[in-house]
Amino acid sequence: MNSLPQHFVYRQDVIDFLTVSVQVCGFLEKIAEEDKVEAVEKLTCLLPMLYLKARLLDKPDQELDDYVETFCTEDQYEVVRGTVAALLGSDDTYLEVPVEEGRYGDVSETRFISEQLADIYQELFDLAANYRTQETAVMNDAILACLEAFEMHWGQKLLSVLRAMDVLRNDPEFSNSED
């Protein structure tokens, strides 16, 4: 029987999270090939899995003194953002009531699905790229950095964009739109 080393980075729940992360990245990288309605449908299935897998993970202890390397370039980020924006057209924008210090604000802000997804993509791309180094300590700290970023910002962005896409998905006018 082939068994993985006994380290946090090889645990099944970590591998499951990494697998979904890579699936989300791959989908966003090829989203231009999708129909708008089908893309929203697929993302409303993938994103909850990503959230769940991230939420179920414990944060590992940091092993390195340095920060983990970032790999996602501004150009890669912009390609994902721009491609999603072009695909969604006017459906890219939505209103969000920001949560600040645990309280809801009085005003809503315009947000962009494309920007939120590109922010999430950037975190996941960096995680996957650090895993490719096959250095256990780097992989460990990449998971830690990704989970800390999840708690600080991208988990909320994921929920926000998922809510916006669910509204689109359930709008009968959306599936008939030619935008």
N, C-alpha and C. Protein backbone atom coordinates (compact mmCIF):
# COMPACT_ATOMS: atom_id res chain seq x y z
N MET A 1 0.85 -1.18 0.00
CA MET A 1 0.00 0.00 0.00
C MET A 1 0.88 1.24 0.00
N ASN A 2 0.60 2.17 -0.90
CA ASN A 2 1.37 3.41 -1.02
C ASN A 2 0.79 4.45 -0.07
N SER A 3 1.55 4.88 0.91
CA SER A 3 1.03 5.86 1.86
C SER A 3 1.85 7.14 1.78
N LEU A 4 1.18 8.24 2.04
CA LEU A 4 1.83 9.54 2.04
C LEU A 4 2.55 9.75 3.36
N PRO A 5 3.55 10.63 3.36
CA PRO A 5 4.23 10.95 4.62
C PRO A 5 3.24 11.50 5.65
N GLN A 6 3.60 11.36 6.89
CA GLN A 6 2.73 11.80 7.99
C GLN A 6 2.98 13.27 8.32
N HIS A 7 2.51 14.15 7.50
CA HIS A 7 2.64 15.58 7.72
C HIS A 7 1.30 16.22 7.40
N PHE A 8 1.02 17.34 8.03
CA PHE A 8 -0.24 18.06 7.83
C PHE A 8 -0.57 18.25 6.35
N VAL A 9 0.41 18.60 5.54
CA VAL A 9 0.15 18.93 4.13
C VAL A 9 -0.34 17.74 3.32
N TYR A 10 -0.21 16.53 3.85
CA TYR A 10 -0.65 15.33 3.14
C TYR A 10 -1.94 14.74 3.70
N ARG A 11 -2.53 15.43 4.68
CA ARG A 11 -3.80 14.95 5.23
C ARG A 11 -4.87 14.98 4.16
N GLN A 12 -5.83 14.09 4.25
CA GLN A 12 -6.89 14.00 3.23
C GLN A 12 -7.70 15.29 3.12
N ASP A 13 -8.00 15.93 4.27
CA ASP A 13 -8.80 17.16 4.20
C ASP A 13 -8.04 18.30 3.54
N VAL A 14 -6.73 18.31 3.69
CA VAL A 14 -5.89 19.31 3.03
C VAL A 14 -5.85 19.03 1.52
N ILE A 15 -5.66 17.78 1.17
CA ILE A 15 -5.65 17.40 -0.26
C ILE A 15 -7.00 17.71 -0.90
N ASP A 16 -8.09 17.47 -0.18
CA ASP A 16 -9.42 17.79 -0.70
C ASP A 16 -9.56 19.30 -0.97
N PHE A 17 -9.10 20.11 -0.02
CA PHE A 17 -9.15 21.56 -0.20
C PHE A 17 -8.29 21.99 -1.39
N LEU A 18 -7.11 21.44 -1.48
CA LEU A 18 -6.22 21.77 -2.59
C LEU A 18 -6.84 21.35 -3.93
N THR A 19 -7.48 20.20 -3.97
CA THR A 19 -8.12 19.71 -5.19
C THR A 19 -9.21 20.66 -5.67
N VAL A 20 -10.08 21.08 -4.76
CA VAL A 20 -11.14 22.01 -5.13
C VAL A 20 -10.54 23.36 -5.53
N SER A 21 -9.49 23.79 -4.84
CA SER A 21 -8.83 25.06 -5.18
C SER A 21 -8.30 25.04 -6.61
N VAL A 22 -7.67 23.94 -6.98
CA VAL A 22 -7.13 23.79 -8.33
C VAL A 22 -8.27 23.74 -9.35
N GLN A 23 -9.37 23.09 -9.00
CA GLN A 23 -10.53 23.05 -9.90
C GLN A 23 -11.08 24.45 -10.14
N VAL A 24 -11.19 25.24 -9.10
CA VAL A 24 -11.70 26.61 -9.23
C VAL A 24 -10.76 27.43 -10.11
N CYS A 25 -9.45 27.33 -9.85
CA CYS A 25 -8.48 28.06 -10.68
C CYS A 25 -8.59 27.64 -12.14
N GLY A 26 -8.61 26.35 -12.39
CA GLY A 26 -8.70 25.86 -13.76
C GLY A 26 -9.97 26.33 -14.45
N PHE A 27 -11.07 26.32 -13.73
CA PHE A 27 -12.33 26.78 -14.31
C PHE A 27 -12.26 28.27 -14.66
N LEU A 28 -11.74 29.08 -13.74
CA LEU A 28 -11.64 30.52 -13.99
C LEU A 28 -10.68 30.82 -15.14
N GLU A 29 -9.64 30.02 -15.29
CA GLU A 29 -8.68 30.23 -16.38
C GLU A 29 -9.30 29.92 -17.74
N LYS A 30 -10.31 29.07 -17.77
CA LYS A 30 -10.94 28.67 -19.03
C LYS A 30 -12.39 29.13 -19.14
N ILE A 31 -12.78 30.08 -18.31
CA ILE A 31 -14.18 30.49 -18.25
C ILE A 31 -14.67 31.12 -19.55
N ALA A 32 -13.77 31.65 -20.35
CA ALA A 32 -14.15 32.26 -21.63
C ALA A 32 -14.79 31.22 -22.56
N GLU A 33 -14.50 29.96 -22.35
CA GLU A 33 -15.05 28.89 -23.18
C GLU A 33 -16.48 28.54 -22.77
N GLU A 34 -16.94 29.11 -21.68
CA GLU A 34 -18.25 28.77 -21.13
C GLU A 34 -19.33 29.75 -21.60
N ASP A 35 -20.53 29.27 -21.66
CA ASP A 35 -21.71 30.10 -21.80
C ASP A 35 -21.92 30.80 -20.45
N LYS A 36 -22.42 32.03 -20.46
CA LYS A 36 -22.59 32.81 -19.23
C LYS A 36 -23.46 32.08 -18.21
N VAL A 37 -24.59 31.57 -18.64
CA VAL A 37 -25.50 30.90 -17.72
C VAL A 37 -24.85 29.64 -17.15
N GLU A 38 -24.18 28.89 -18.00
CA GLU A 38 -23.52 27.65 -17.56
C GLU A 38 -22.36 27.97 -16.61
N ALA A 39 -21.65 29.05 -16.86
CA ALA A 39 -20.54 29.44 -15.97
C ALA A 39 -21.06 29.77 -14.58
N VAL A 40 -22.14 30.52 -14.51
CA VAL A 40 -22.73 30.86 -13.20
C VAL A 40 -23.23 29.60 -12.52
N GLU A 41 -23.83 28.72 -13.28
CA GLU A 41 -24.32 27.45 -12.71
C GLU A 41 -23.17 26.64 -12.11
N LYS A 42 -22.08 26.52 -12.84
CA LYS A 42 -20.94 25.74 -12.35
C LYS A 42 -20.30 26.39 -11.13
N LEU A 43 -20.16 27.72 -11.16
CA LEU A 43 -19.56 28.40 -10.01
C LEU A 43 -20.42 28.31 -8.77
N THR A 44 -21.74 28.30 -8.93
CA THR A 44 -22.61 28.16 -7.76
C THR A 44 -22.54 26.75 -7.17
N CYS A 45 -21.92 25.84 -7.89
CA CYS A 45 -21.65 24.50 -7.36
C CYS A 45 -20.24 24.39 -6.78
N LEU A 46 -19.27 24.98 -7.47
CA LEU A 46 -17.87 24.90 -7.02
C LEU A 46 -17.58 25.73 -5.77
N LEU A 47 -18.10 26.94 -5.73
CA LEU A 47 -17.74 27.85 -4.63
C LEU A 47 -18.19 27.37 -3.25
N PRO A 48 -19.39 26.79 -3.12
CA PRO A 48 -19.74 26.26 -1.78
C PRO A 48 -18.80 25.13 -1.33
N MET A 49 -18.38 24.30 -2.29
CA MET A 49 -17.42 23.24 -1.94
C MET A 49 -16.11 23.84 -1.45
N LEU A 50 -15.66 24.89 -2.14
CA LEU A 50 -14.42 25.56 -1.75
C LEU A 50 -14.55 26.13 -0.35
N TYR A 51 -15.64 26.80 -0.08
CA TYR A 51 -15.86 27.39 1.24
C TYR A 51 -15.86 26.31 2.32
N LEU A 52 -16.61 25.24 2.06
CA LEU A 52 -16.70 24.16 3.03
C LEU A 52 -15.34 23.53 3.30
N LYS A 53 -14.59 23.23 2.25
CA LYS A 53 -13.28 22.60 2.42
C LYS A 53 -12.33 23.50 3.20
N ALA A 54 -12.38 24.81 2.93
CA ALA A 54 -11.52 25.75 3.66
C ALA A 54 -11.96 25.85 5.12
N ARG A 55 -13.25 25.90 5.33
CA ARG A 55 -13.79 26.08 6.67
C ARG A 55 -13.51 24.89 7.57
N LEU A 56 -13.42 23.71 6.99
CA LEU A 56 -13.19 22.50 7.79
C LEU A 56 -11.73 22.28 8.18
N LEU A 57 -10.83 23.04 7.58
CA LEU A 57 -9.40 22.85 7.87
C LEU A 57 -8.96 23.56 9.13
N ASP A 58 -8.10 22.89 9.88
CA ASP A 58 -7.40 23.54 10.98
C ASP A 58 -6.20 24.25 10.40
N LYS A 59 -5.81 25.35 11.03
CA LYS A 59 -4.61 26.04 10.57
C LYS A 59 -3.39 25.34 11.16
N PRO A 60 -2.40 25.07 10.32
CA PRO A 60 -1.17 24.45 10.84
C PRO A 60 -0.30 25.50 11.54
N ASP A 61 0.65 25.03 12.30
CA ASP A 61 1.64 25.93 12.89
C ASP A 61 2.61 26.36 11.79
N GLN A 62 3.06 27.59 11.87
CA GLN A 62 4.02 28.11 10.89
C GLN A 62 5.35 27.39 11.07
N GLU A 63 5.99 27.07 9.95
CA GLU A 63 7.27 26.36 10.00
C GLU A 63 8.45 27.20 9.53
N LEU A 64 8.19 28.19 8.71
CA LEU A 64 9.27 29.02 8.17
C LEU A 64 9.23 30.42 8.77
N ASP A 65 10.37 31.09 8.75
CA ASP A 65 10.43 32.46 9.25
C ASP A 65 9.96 33.48 8.21
N ASP A 66 10.05 33.11 6.94
CA ASP A 66 9.69 34.03 5.87
C ASP A 66 8.24 33.83 5.43
N TYR A 67 7.75 34.83 4.73
CA TYR A 67 6.44 34.70 4.11
C TYR A 67 6.54 33.77 2.91
N VAL A 68 5.43 33.13 2.58
CA VAL A 68 5.43 32.28 1.40
C VAL A 68 5.42 33.16 0.16
N GLU A 69 5.97 32.61 -0.89
CA GLU A 69 6.10 33.36 -2.14
C GLU A 69 4.74 33.51 -2.82
N THR A 70 4.56 34.65 -3.49
CA THR A 70 3.37 34.85 -4.31
C THR A 70 3.76 34.63 -5.77
N PHE A 71 2.89 33.99 -6.50
CA PHE A 71 3.19 33.62 -7.88
C PHE A 71 2.25 34.27 -8.89
N CYS A 72 1.04 34.56 -8.48
CA CYS A 72 0.05 35.11 -9.40
C CYS A 72 0.46 36.53 -9.79
N THR A 73 0.67 36.73 -11.06
CA THR A 73 1.10 38.04 -11.54
C THR A 73 -0.11 38.96 -11.73
N GLU A 74 0.16 40.23 -11.84
CA GLU A 74 -0.90 41.19 -12.10
C GLU A 74 -1.60 40.88 -13.43
N ASP A 75 -0.81 40.44 -14.41
CA ASP A 75 -1.38 40.09 -15.72
C ASP A 75 -2.33 38.89 -15.60
N GLN A 76 -1.94 37.87 -14.85
CA GLN A 76 -2.81 36.69 -14.67
C GLN A 76 -4.09 37.09 -13.96
N TYR A 77 -3.95 37.90 -12.92
CA TYR A 77 -5.11 38.40 -12.19
C TYR A 77 -6.04 39.14 -13.14
N GLU A 78 -5.46 40.03 -13.94
CA GLU A 78 -6.26 40.87 -14.84
C GLU A 78 -6.93 40.05 -15.94
N VAL A 79 -6.28 38.99 -16.41
CA VAL A 79 -6.90 38.13 -17.41
C VAL A 79 -8.15 37.48 -16.83
N VAL A 80 -8.05 36.95 -15.62
CA VAL A 80 -9.22 36.33 -14.98
C VAL A 80 -10.30 37.37 -14.75
N ARG A 81 -9.94 38.51 -14.18
CA ARG A 81 -10.92 39.56 -13.91
C ARG A 81 -11.59 40.02 -15.20
N GLY A 82 -10.79 40.31 -16.20
CA GLY A 82 -11.32 40.80 -17.46
C GLY A 82 -12.17 39.80 -18.20
N THR A 83 -11.77 38.55 -18.17
CA THR A 83 -12.53 37.49 -18.85
C THR A 83 -13.89 37.29 -18.19
N VAL A 84 -13.91 37.25 -16.86
CA VAL A 84 -15.18 37.09 -16.15
C VAL A 84 -16.06 38.32 -16.39
N ALA A 85 -15.47 39.51 -16.34
CA ALA A 85 -16.24 40.75 -16.58
C ALA A 85 -16.85 40.75 -17.98
N ALA A 86 -16.07 40.34 -18.96
CA ALA A 86 -16.57 40.31 -20.34
C ALA A 86 -17.68 39.27 -20.49
N LEU A 87 -17.53 38.13 -19.85
CA LEU A 87 -18.53 37.08 -19.94
C LEU A 87 -19.85 37.52 -19.31
N LEU A 88 -19.77 38.15 -18.14
CA LEU A 88 -20.99 38.52 -17.42
C LEU A 88 -21.62 39.82 -17.91
N GLY A 89 -20.83 40.68 -18.52
CA GLY A 89 -21.36 41.96 -19.01
C GLY A 89 -21.97 42.77 -17.88
N SER A 90 -23.18 43.26 -18.10
CA SER A 90 -23.84 44.09 -17.08
C SER A 90 -24.21 43.30 -15.83
N ASP A 91 -24.19 41.99 -15.90
CA ASP A 91 -24.48 41.15 -14.73
C ASP A 91 -23.29 41.01 -13.79
N ASP A 92 -22.18 41.66 -14.13
CA ASP A 92 -20.98 41.60 -13.29
C ASP A 92 -21.14 42.40 -12.01
N THR A 93 -21.98 43.40 -12.00
CA THR A 93 -22.12 44.27 -10.83
C THR A 93 -23.25 43.80 -9.92
N TYR A 94 -23.07 44.06 -8.64
CA TYR A 94 -24.11 43.79 -7.66
C TYR A 94 -23.91 44.71 -6.47
N LEU A 95 -24.94 44.87 -5.67
CA LEU A 95 -24.87 45.72 -4.49
C LEU A 95 -24.59 44.86 -3.26
N GLU A 96 -23.72 45.37 -2.42
CA GLU A 96 -23.33 44.66 -1.20
C GLU A 96 -23.37 45.64 -0.04
N VAL A 97 -23.91 45.19 1.08
CA VAL A 97 -23.86 45.99 2.30
C VAL A 97 -22.63 45.51 3.06
N PRO A 98 -21.59 46.35 3.13
CA PRO A 98 -20.34 45.89 3.76
C PRO A 98 -20.49 45.67 5.26
N VAL A 99 -19.79 44.66 5.74
CA VAL A 99 -19.75 44.37 7.17
C VAL A 99 -18.45 44.98 7.71
N GLU A 100 -18.62 45.89 8.64
CA GLU A 100 -17.44 46.53 9.22
C GLU A 100 -17.49 46.37 10.74
N GLU A 101 -16.47 45.78 11.26
CA GLU A 101 -16.35 45.56 12.70
C GLU A 101 -17.59 44.90 13.30
N GLY A 102 -18.12 43.93 12.54
CA GLY A 102 -19.23 43.15 13.07
C GLY A 102 -20.60 43.79 12.93
N ARG A 103 -20.67 44.97 12.33
CA ARG A 103 -21.96 45.64 12.16
C ARG A 103 -22.20 45.95 10.70
N TYR A 104 -23.45 45.94 10.32
CA TYR A 104 -23.80 46.28 8.95
C TYR A 104 -23.78 47.79 8.77
N GLY A 105 -23.26 48.21 7.65
CA GLY A 105 -23.24 49.63 7.31
C GLY A 105 -24.61 50.09 6.85
N ASP A 106 -24.76 51.40 6.74
CA ASP A 106 -26.03 51.98 6.33
C ASP A 106 -26.18 52.08 4.82
N VAL A 107 -25.10 51.97 4.10
CA VAL A 107 -25.16 52.15 2.66
C VAL A 107 -24.63 50.90 1.95
N SER A 108 -25.11 50.72 0.74
CA SER A 108 -24.61 49.60 -0.04
C SER A 108 -23.52 50.11 -0.98
N GLU A 109 -22.68 49.21 -1.40
CA GLU A 109 -21.59 49.52 -2.31
C GLU A 109 -21.72 48.65 -3.55
N THR A 110 -21.31 49.20 -4.68
CA THR A 110 -21.29 48.42 -5.91
C THR A 110 -20.04 47.54 -5.89
N ARG A 111 -20.24 46.27 -6.14
CA ARG A 111 -19.14 45.32 -6.22
C ARG A 111 -19.19 44.64 -7.57
N PHE A 112 -18.09 43.97 -7.90
CA PHE A 112 -17.98 43.28 -9.18
C PHE A 112 -17.66 41.81 -8.94
N ILE A 113 -18.48 40.95 -9.48
CA ILE A 113 -18.24 39.51 -9.37
C ILE A 113 -16.85 39.19 -9.89
N SER A 114 -16.48 39.79 -11.02
CA SER A 114 -15.19 39.51 -11.65
C SER A 114 -14.02 39.85 -10.73
N GLU A 115 -14.11 40.96 -10.03
CA GLU A 115 -13.03 41.37 -9.14
C GLU A 115 -12.93 40.45 -7.93
N GLN A 116 -14.09 40.09 -7.38
CA GLN A 116 -14.10 39.20 -6.22
C GLN A 116 -13.53 37.83 -6.59
N LEU A 117 -13.94 37.31 -7.75
CA LEU A 117 -13.43 36.01 -8.19
C LEU A 117 -11.93 36.07 -8.49
N ALA A 118 -11.46 37.17 -9.06
CA ALA A 118 -10.03 37.31 -9.33
C ALA A 118 -9.23 37.38 -8.03
N ASP A 119 -9.79 38.02 -7.00
CA ASP A 119 -9.11 38.05 -5.69
C ASP A 119 -9.00 36.65 -5.11
N ILE A 120 -10.06 35.88 -5.21
CA ILE A 120 -10.05 34.50 -4.72
C ILE A 120 -9.08 33.66 -5.54
N TYR A 121 -9.13 33.83 -6.86
CA TYR A 121 -8.22 33.11 -7.76
C TYR A 121 -6.76 33.35 -7.36
N GLN A 122 -6.43 34.59 -7.08
CA GLN A 122 -5.05 34.94 -6.73
C GLN A 122 -4.58 34.15 -5.50
N GLU A 123 -5.41 34.06 -4.49
CA GLU A 123 -5.06 33.32 -3.27
C GLU A 123 -4.87 31.83 -3.57
N LEU A 124 -5.79 31.28 -4.35
CA LEU A 124 -5.74 29.85 -4.66
C LEU A 124 -4.58 29.51 -5.60
N PHE A 125 -4.31 30.39 -6.55
CA PHE A 125 -3.20 30.18 -7.48
C PHE A 125 -1.88 30.15 -6.71
N ASP A 126 -1.70 31.09 -5.78
CA ASP A 126 -0.48 31.13 -4.98
C ASP A 126 -0.33 29.87 -4.13
N LEU A 127 -1.43 29.40 -3.57
CA LEU A 127 -1.40 28.16 -2.80
C LEU A 127 -0.94 26.99 -3.68
N ALA A 128 -1.57 26.84 -4.83
CA ALA A 128 -1.22 25.73 -5.71
C ALA A 128 0.22 25.82 -6.19
N ALA A 129 0.68 27.01 -6.50
CA ALA A 129 2.06 27.19 -6.97
C ALA A 129 3.06 26.84 -5.86
N ASN A 130 2.75 27.20 -4.63
CA ASN A 130 3.63 26.84 -3.52
C ASN A 130 3.62 25.35 -3.27
N TYR A 131 2.51 24.69 -3.51
CA TYR A 131 2.45 23.23 -3.38
C TYR A 131 3.33 22.55 -4.42
N ARG A 132 3.42 23.16 -5.58
CA ARG A 132 4.25 22.57 -6.65
C ARG A 132 5.74 22.54 -6.29
N THR A 133 6.15 23.32 -5.31
CA THR A 133 7.56 23.30 -4.90
C THR A 133 7.92 21.96 -4.28
N GLN A 134 6.94 21.25 -3.76
CA GLN A 134 7.10 19.97 -3.08
C GLN A 134 8.00 20.06 -1.85
N GLU A 135 8.11 21.26 -1.31
CA GLU A 135 8.85 21.46 -0.05
C GLU A 135 7.82 21.53 1.06
N THR A 136 7.87 20.57 1.95
CA THR A 136 6.84 20.42 2.97
C THR A 136 6.62 21.69 3.78
N ALA A 137 7.67 22.35 4.22
CA ALA A 137 7.52 23.56 5.02
C ALA A 137 6.87 24.69 4.22
N VAL A 138 7.21 24.81 2.96
CA VAL A 138 6.60 25.82 2.08
C VAL A 138 5.13 25.50 1.89
N MET A 139 4.82 24.24 1.63
CA MET A 139 3.44 23.81 1.44
C MET A 139 2.63 24.08 2.70
N ASN A 140 3.19 23.77 3.85
CA ASN A 140 2.54 23.99 5.13
C ASN A 140 2.21 25.47 5.33
N ASP A 141 3.20 26.32 5.11
CA ASP A 141 3.00 27.75 5.34
C ASP A 141 2.11 28.38 4.27
N ALA A 142 2.05 27.78 3.09
CA ALA A 142 1.14 28.25 2.05
C ALA A 142 -0.31 27.97 2.46
N ILE A 143 -0.55 26.81 3.05
CA ILE A 143 -1.89 26.49 3.57
C ILE A 143 -2.24 27.49 4.68
N LEU A 144 -1.31 27.72 5.58
CA LEU A 144 -1.54 28.66 6.67
C LEU A 144 -1.88 30.05 6.12
N ALA A 145 -1.09 30.54 5.17
CA ALA A 145 -1.33 31.87 4.59
C ALA A 145 -2.69 31.93 3.90
N CYS A 146 -3.02 30.88 3.18
CA CYS A 146 -4.30 30.84 2.46
C CYS A 146 -5.48 30.83 3.44
N LEU A 147 -5.37 30.07 4.51
CA LEU A 147 -6.44 30.01 5.49
C LEU A 147 -6.56 31.31 6.28
N GLU A 148 -5.45 31.95 6.57
CA GLU A 148 -5.51 33.25 7.24
C GLU A 148 -6.16 34.29 6.33
N ALA A 149 -5.82 34.25 5.04
CA ALA A 149 -6.45 35.16 4.08
C ALA A 149 -7.94 34.84 3.92
N PHE A 150 -8.29 33.57 4.01
CA PHE A 150 -9.69 33.15 3.97
C PHE A 150 -10.46 33.81 5.12
N GLU A 151 -9.90 33.74 6.31
CA GLU A 151 -10.54 34.34 7.48
C GLU A 151 -10.62 35.86 7.37
N MET A 152 -9.59 36.46 6.81
CA MET A 152 -9.53 37.93 6.76
C MET A 152 -10.35 38.53 5.63
N HIS A 153 -10.37 37.89 4.46
CA HIS A 153 -11.08 38.54 3.37
C HIS A 153 -11.70 37.62 2.32
N TRP A 154 -11.01 36.61 1.85
CA TRP A 154 -11.57 35.93 0.69
C TRP A 154 -12.75 35.01 1.03
N GLY A 155 -12.89 34.58 2.25
CA GLY A 155 -14.07 33.81 2.64
C GLY A 155 -15.33 34.66 2.53
N GLN A 156 -15.25 35.90 3.00
CA GLN A 156 -16.39 36.82 2.88
C GLN A 156 -16.66 37.17 1.42
N LYS A 157 -15.61 37.35 0.64
CA LYS A 157 -15.78 37.65 -0.78
C LYS A 157 -16.47 36.48 -1.49
N LEU A 158 -16.07 35.28 -1.14
CA LEU A 158 -16.68 34.09 -1.73
C LEU A 158 -18.17 34.05 -1.42
N LEU A 159 -18.54 34.28 -0.18
CA LEU A 159 -19.95 34.25 0.19
C LEU A 159 -20.73 35.37 -0.49
N SER A 160 -20.12 36.52 -0.59
CA SER A 160 -20.75 37.66 -1.23
C SER A 160 -21.01 37.40 -2.71
N VAL A 161 -20.00 36.89 -3.41
CA VAL A 161 -20.14 36.63 -4.84
C VAL A 161 -21.06 35.44 -5.09
N LEU A 162 -21.05 34.49 -4.20
CA LEU A 162 -21.96 33.35 -4.33
C LEU A 162 -23.41 33.82 -4.21
N ARG A 163 -23.66 34.70 -3.27
CA ARG A 163 -25.01 35.24 -3.11
C ARG A 163 -25.45 35.99 -4.37
N ALA A 164 -24.54 36.80 -4.93
CA ALA A 164 -24.85 37.55 -6.15
C ALA A 164 -25.12 36.61 -7.33
N MET A 165 -24.32 35.56 -7.45
CA MET A 165 -24.52 34.61 -8.54
C MET A 165 -25.78 33.78 -8.34
N ASP A 166 -26.14 33.50 -7.10
CA ASP A 166 -27.36 32.76 -6.84
C ASP A 166 -28.57 33.60 -7.24
N VAL A 167 -28.51 34.90 -7.01
CA VAL A 167 -29.59 35.79 -7.45
C VAL A 167 -29.69 35.74 -8.97
N LEU A 168 -28.56 35.81 -9.66
CA LEU A 168 -28.57 35.71 -11.12
C LEU A 168 -29.15 34.37 -11.57
N ARG A 169 -28.66 33.32 -10.99
CA ARG A 169 -29.06 31.97 -11.38
C ARG A 169 -30.55 31.75 -11.25
N ASN A 170 -31.17 32.37 -10.28
CA ASN A 170 -32.60 32.20 -10.03
C ASN A 170 -33.47 33.26 -10.70
N ASP A 171 -32.87 34.17 -11.42
CA ASP A 171 -33.60 35.21 -12.14
C ASP A 171 -33.97 34.70 -13.52
N PRO A 172 -35.26 34.56 -13.82
CA PRO A 172 -35.66 34.05 -15.14
C PRO A 172 -35.15 34.92 -16.30
N GLU A 173 -34.98 36.20 -16.07
CA GLU A 173 -34.48 37.10 -17.11
C GLU A 173 -33.01 36.83 -17.42
N PHE A 174 -32.26 36.33 -16.46
CA PHE A 174 -30.83 36.07 -16.66
C PHE A 174 -30.62 34.99 -17.71
N SER A 175 -31.36 33.91 -17.60
CA SER A 175 -31.15 32.81 -18.55
C SER A 175 -31.61 33.17 -19.95
N ASN A 176 -32.39 34.23 -20.08
CA ASN A 176 -32.84 34.68 -21.39
C ASN A 176 -32.04 35.85 -21.94
N SER A 177 -31.10 36.37 -21.13
CA SER A 177 -30.37 37.57 -21.54
C SER A 177 -29.34 37.26 -22.61
N GLU A 178 -29.08 38.24 -23.42
CA GLU A 178 -28.10 38.10 -24.50
C GLU A 178 -26.89 38.98 -24.26
N ASP A 179 -26.67 39.43 -23.04
CA ASP A 179 -25.59 40.35 -22.68
C ASP A 179 -24.23 39.80 -22.95
